[in-house]
Amino acid sequence: MALLTEKPVTTFDLTQIACGYLLWGKHRTWNEGKAGFVTSATESELIVQYHPKIGNVTNHFMIPVSEVTEGQWEIRWSEDMSKIQEYSILADNKQKEI
């Protein structure tokens, strides 16, 4: 009987997104999405900083890979706005290029 087992794990592909990328995200519980830029990208989580429309304030939201896997997020991102990638709840959780 083996002590360890190997299991496949879903992670963010860090060749597709990195710090400084522009990102628009909408959680299934939000009425509207938020646009900002990625300040941290790891295989398990993205952190996005955005302007909440009040004075000299910024805020952030976190996107855990587990919630994306469950279909709770609609995400669009781009390195330079010349090519926009999309991962959507409505598109059967498929990534597509706009």
C-alpha atoms as a PDB file:
ATOM      1  CA  MET A   1       0.000   0.000   0.000  1.00  0.00           C
ATOM      2  CA  ALA A   2       1.476   3.331  -1.093  1.00  0.00           C
ATOM      3  CA  LEU A   3       1.826   6.173   1.350  1.00  0.00           C
ATOM      4  CA  LEU A   4       1.670   8.849  -1.368  1.00  0.00           C
ATOM      5  CA  THR A   5      -0.546   9.212  -4.391  1.00  0.00           C
ATOM      6  CA  GLU A   6      -0.326  11.566  -7.326  1.00  0.00           C
ATOM      7  CA  LYS A   7      -3.439  13.423  -8.424  1.00  0.00           C
ATOM      8  CA  PRO A   8      -3.922  15.912 -11.249  1.00  0.00           C
ATOM      9  CA  VAL A   9      -4.393  19.458  -9.966  1.00  0.00           C
ATOM     10  CA  THR A  10      -5.921  22.389 -11.852  1.00  0.00           C
ATOM     11  CA  THR A  11      -3.749  25.513 -11.785  1.00  0.00           C
ATOM     12  CA  PHE A  12      -3.572  28.868 -13.546  1.00  0.00           C
ATOM     13  CA  ASP A  13      -1.294  28.737 -16.586  1.00  0.00           C
ATOM     14  CA  LEU A  14       1.253  31.437 -15.784  1.00  0.00           C
ATOM     15  CA  THR A  15       2.381  31.534 -19.412  1.00  0.00           C
ATOM     16  CA  GLN A  16      -1.082  32.987 -20.214  1.00  0.00           C
ATOM     17  CA  ILE A  17      -1.371  35.625 -17.452  1.00  0.00           C
ATOM     18  CA  ALA A  18       1.109  37.535 -15.293  1.00  0.00           C
ATOM     19  CA  CYS A  19       1.523  40.616 -13.104  1.00  0.00           C
ATOM     20  CA  GLY A  20       0.678  43.808 -14.968  1.00  0.00           C
ATOM     21  CA  TYR A  21      -1.932  42.232 -17.266  1.00  0.00           C
ATOM     22  CA  LEU A  22      -5.273  44.000 -17.549  1.00  0.00           C
ATOM     23  CA  LEU A  23      -8.166  41.937 -16.215  1.00  0.00           C
ATOM     24  CA  TRP A  24     -11.925  42.243 -16.015  1.00  0.00           C
ATOM     25  CA  GLY A  25     -13.594  39.801 -13.652  1.00  0.00           C
ATOM     26  CA  LYS A  26     -17.161  39.071 -12.612  1.00  0.00           C
ATOM     27  CA  HIS A  27     -18.035  36.649  -9.843  1.00  0.00           C
ATOM     28  CA  ARG A  28     -21.401  34.915 -10.177  1.00  0.00           C
ATOM     29  CA  THR A  29     -22.706  36.815  -7.108  1.00  0.00           C
ATOM     30  CA  TRP A  30     -21.823  40.297  -8.457  1.00  0.00           C
ATOM     31  CA  ASN A  31     -24.217  42.462 -10.475  1.00  0.00           C
ATOM     32  CA  GLU A  32     -21.374  43.836 -12.586  1.00  0.00           C
ATOM     33  CA  GLY A  33     -17.728  43.052 -13.196  1.00  0.00           C
ATOM     34  CA  LYS A  34     -14.666  44.992 -12.082  1.00  0.00           C
ATOM     35  CA  ALA A  35     -11.734  46.036 -14.267  1.00  0.00           C
ATOM     36  CA  GLY A  36      -8.202  46.338 -12.945  1.00  0.00           C
ATOM     37  CA  PHE A  37      -4.735  44.926 -13.296  1.00  0.00           C
ATOM     38  CA  VAL A  38      -3.117  41.780 -11.984  1.00  0.00           C
ATOM     39  CA  THR A  39      -0.810  42.485  -9.033  1.00  0.00           C
ATOM     40  CA  SER A  40      -0.118  38.847  -8.137  1.00  0.00           C
ATOM     41  CA  ALA A  41      -0.385  35.695 -10.219  1.00  0.00           C
ATOM     42  CA  THR A  42       0.312  32.275  -8.746  1.00  0.00           C
ATOM     43  CA  GLU A  43      -0.823  28.847  -9.851  1.00  0.00           C
ATOM     44  CA  SER A  44      -3.544  28.907  -7.180  1.00  0.00           C
ATOM     45  CA  GLU A  45      -4.726  32.548  -7.113  1.00  0.00           C
ATOM     46  CA  LEU A  46      -4.882  35.844  -9.010  1.00  0.00           C
ATOM     47  CA  ILE A  47      -5.044  39.159  -7.168  1.00  0.00           C
ATOM     48  CA  VAL A  48      -6.461  42.117  -9.103  1.00  0.00           C
ATOM     49  CA  GLN A  49      -6.211  45.755  -8.034  1.00  0.00           C
ATOM     50  CA  TYR A  50      -8.962  48.131  -9.182  1.00  0.00           C
ATOM     51  CA  HIS A  51     -10.312  51.644  -8.587  1.00  0.00           C
ATOM     52  CA  PRO A  52     -13.627  51.525  -6.653  1.00  0.00           C
ATOM     53  CA  LYS A  53     -14.684  55.024  -7.866  1.00  0.00           C
ATOM     54  CA  ILE A  54     -14.119  56.812  -4.557  1.00  0.00           C
ATOM     55  CA  GLY A  55     -11.300  59.344  -4.221  1.00  0.00           C
ATOM     56  CA  ASN A  56      -7.669  58.280  -4.049  1.00  0.00           C
ATOM     57  CA  VAL A  57      -8.501  54.712  -3.095  1.00  0.00           C
ATOM     58  CA  THR A  58      -7.723  51.367  -4.666  1.00  0.00           C
ATOM     59  CA  ASN A  59      -9.099  48.003  -3.709  1.00  0.00           C
ATOM     60  CA  HIS A  60      -8.501  44.428  -4.782  1.00  0.00           C
ATOM     61  CA  PHE A  61     -10.237  41.135  -5.316  1.00  0.00           C
ATOM     62  CA  MET A  62      -8.874  37.612  -5.355  1.00  0.00           C
ATOM     63  CA  ILE A  63      -9.692  34.896  -7.863  1.00  0.00           C
ATOM     64  CA  PRO A  64      -8.943  31.426  -6.464  1.00  0.00           C
ATOM     65  CA  VAL A  65      -8.395  28.723  -9.092  1.00  0.00           C
ATOM     66  CA  SER A  66     -10.876  26.508  -7.226  1.00  0.00           C
ATOM     67  CA  GLU A  67     -13.704  29.018  -7.841  1.00  0.00           C
ATOM     68  CA  VAL A  68     -12.792  29.350 -11.523  1.00  0.00           C
ATOM     69  CA  THR A  69     -12.831  25.561 -11.834  1.00  0.00           C
ATOM     70  CA  GLU A  70     -16.318  25.531 -10.293  1.00  0.00           C
ATOM     71  CA  GLY A  71     -17.529  28.039 -12.905  1.00  0.00           C
ATOM     72  CA  GLN A  72     -18.030  30.954 -10.509  1.00  0.00           C
ATOM     73  CA  TRP A  73     -16.027  33.512 -12.539  1.00  0.00           C
ATOM     74  CA  GLU A  74     -16.228  35.187 -15.921  1.00  0.00           C
ATOM     75  CA  ILE A  75     -12.782  36.571 -16.747  1.00  0.00           C
ATOM     76  CA  ARG A  76     -11.287  38.603 -19.597  1.00  0.00           C
ATOM     77  CA  TRP A  77      -7.610  39.518 -19.663  1.00  0.00           C
ATOM     78  CA  SER A  78      -5.002  41.015 -21.934  1.00  0.00           C
ATOM     79  CA  GLU A  79      -1.344  41.866 -21.861  1.00  0.00           C
ATOM     80  CA  ASP A  80      -1.645  44.921 -24.130  1.00  0.00           C
ATOM     81  CA  MET A  81      -5.274  45.058 -25.383  1.00  0.00           C
ATOM     82  CA  SER A  82      -4.240  43.843 -28.844  1.00  0.00           C
ATOM     83  CA  LYS A  83      -5.567  40.363 -28.035  1.00  0.00           C
ATOM     84  CA  ILE A  84      -8.199  39.742 -25.356  1.00  0.00           C
ATOM     85  CA  GLN A  85      -8.606  36.296 -23.819  1.00  0.00           C
ATOM     86  CA  GLU A  86     -11.849  35.179 -22.171  1.00  0.00           C
ATOM     87  CA  TYR A  87     -12.828  32.436 -19.738  1.00  0.00           C
ATOM     88  CA  SER A  88     -16.566  32.357 -19.277  1.00  0.00           C
ATOM     89  CA  ILE A  89     -19.193  30.597 -17.203  1.00  0.00           C
ATOM     90  CA  LEU A  90     -21.623  30.976 -20.108  1.00  0.00           C
ATOM     91  CA  ALA A  91     -19.239  29.446 -22.636  1.00  0.00           C
ATOM     92  CA  ASP A  92     -19.165  26.075 -20.838  1.00  0.00           C
ATOM     93  CA  ASN A  93     -16.028  27.123 -18.945  1.00  0.00           C
ATOM     94  CA  LYS A  94     -13.972  27.346 -22.125  1.00  0.00           C
ATOM     95  CA  GLN A  95     -11.190  29.782 -22.796  1.00  0.00           C
ATOM     96  CA  LYS A  96     -11.499  31.713 -26.012  1.00  0.00           C
ATOM     97  CA  GLU A  97      -9.786  34.573 -27.756  1.00  0.00           C
ATOM     98  CA  ILE A  98     -11.741  37.693 -28.690  1.00  0.00           C
END
